[in-house]
Amino acid sequence: MGDINIGRNSIDGFIQTGIFGSGYNGNKSLNIRKGGLDGRCYNFNGTNQYVDIGDFSTNIVADGKFSISGWIATDILIASNNPQMIGFYIDGNNYFRIRLPISTGSKFDIISYINGNYGGFNYTISNTNFFHFVFIANGTTWKLYINNVEVYNNIHKPDFATLVGIPSNWNIGQSIYSEYFNGKMFDFKFFNKALTASEVSEIYNRSYNHYSGSGTTENFDLSLLYKNTTAWYKMNESSGTTMLDSTSNGNDGTIINGNNDFFGSQSIYKFEYMGNILSNGGMGYWLSATNLDVWTESIAGTSTINQESSDVYTGKNSCRFDIDGSNNIVSIYQERKLNISGKKIKLTISHKFNTSGKQFQFYFIDVSNYKYLQSDGSWKTTTDPGFSAYLRPNSDTYFKIFEVVSDVCLSNNKYAMFISNYSGNNSTSLYLDNIKIQEKV
């Protein structure tokens, strides 16, 4: 699996990547992958290729509220002009554009000019890897999410509600000034509503897990999840002039100047595994109420592992260990190949108990070299760790965040994460959520 990273996101100087390779048991380490569904994407040449969607503003701009999501990677970081990724144009006084990059630098730039009122902002992009974006217009409030992180939220005077019912022409990859996008795209969705934070998270996680191979391959039909899905463009065609809308709304687009290279059939390129979580580290995906997807569960005695939807740190679900009786063991385990040789990482776990004064225990190990991450960031080498190599954070009755920044990692080998209850936790519940691996820059 290997996917997608956007470089710095201005959060503590860490890259929102994750670094796990593919395969449920870490026995695959694929870091080369094509684009979206079936390994395909649209590969715009920056010269003359674009997609004409036509007019569907009457469907997408409902009461001034709409949202756009998708995966994108620019092939250049500074442009000679201002290439348009997506937007619409009504006349010289009414238009909306998302541009990447722009002539003044590596910017994800969003602007509008509506009835004489200008609004706009931009966000710095530091590399040419794929990233996921969601833009939300909620009346005069604009939001931008990058890889499931809200990076912008502000008020803008232009109100899209004034455009409801006015025909407009939408394009992907070209502006009216013949400024063409140079890069790759897949899995674009349009919604005629302002998505909530939880909906953004679900779209991101489902999309990531579906395309990267992380977790289960599920029926990824967002038109069933959100009745407000106006159009869904997978961008996985291999030929032709039609960009298919996978909803039942019939908002197909027309591909202009497409060729074999445009359809990405030969566009194999390197990704860094995206996701700011290890596989299902957000605890969002369950095969059943007691079967946490991807992680290997282990239970001794009458204790149980359960899906928790009411008491979470972030997203829809957390993982709850219900620990009964004495000497019962509850644990989850995951092993992956990580591409982190020569790098430092930050490991984060959100945790709580339903009673105070408790601890849980875990280890994070470079399996091949028998190196265990310690609380001071060092790596302890031992073939017989016993309890000496475990980390035991103190928990409380509210979610606390445990973090440790490692010294330089020595290999691109298998790494394993093991989390379990600790002695003295009988008749309590441990909650785990938002377990992350991030690369330190």
Foldseek 3Di string as FASTA:
>chain_A
DFAWWQQDLPDVQFTLFFFFADDLAAPDRDQWAADFVVSWWFFWAFAWWKWWLFWDCLQAADLLKKKKKWKWFAPDWADPAWKFQKWKDDDPQWIWTFTADGNVTGWRKTWTGHPNFIDIDIDHTDHGGMWMWMWITDFQWIWIDILLRTRDIDGGDDGCSVCNPPTIIMMGQADPVGGGTGTIIFWMWMFNHGDDSQRSVVLSLLRLCCGNVQWDNDDPDCCVVDVRTQFIFGLQDQDDQWGDTPDPNGSIIGIDPDDRVRGRPPVMDGHRHGHQADRCQQQPDAPDQQGGISKDKDKDDDKTKGWAQPAHPDHGTWIKTQAADAPIKIKIKGKGFGDFAQFKKKKKKKKAKQAAFFKKKKWKAQVVQQWTQDQAQETDHDPCCPPVRIDIDGHYNHIDMRMGMHDGDHDRGMMMMMIMGDGPQHRMMMIIRDTGMIIRD
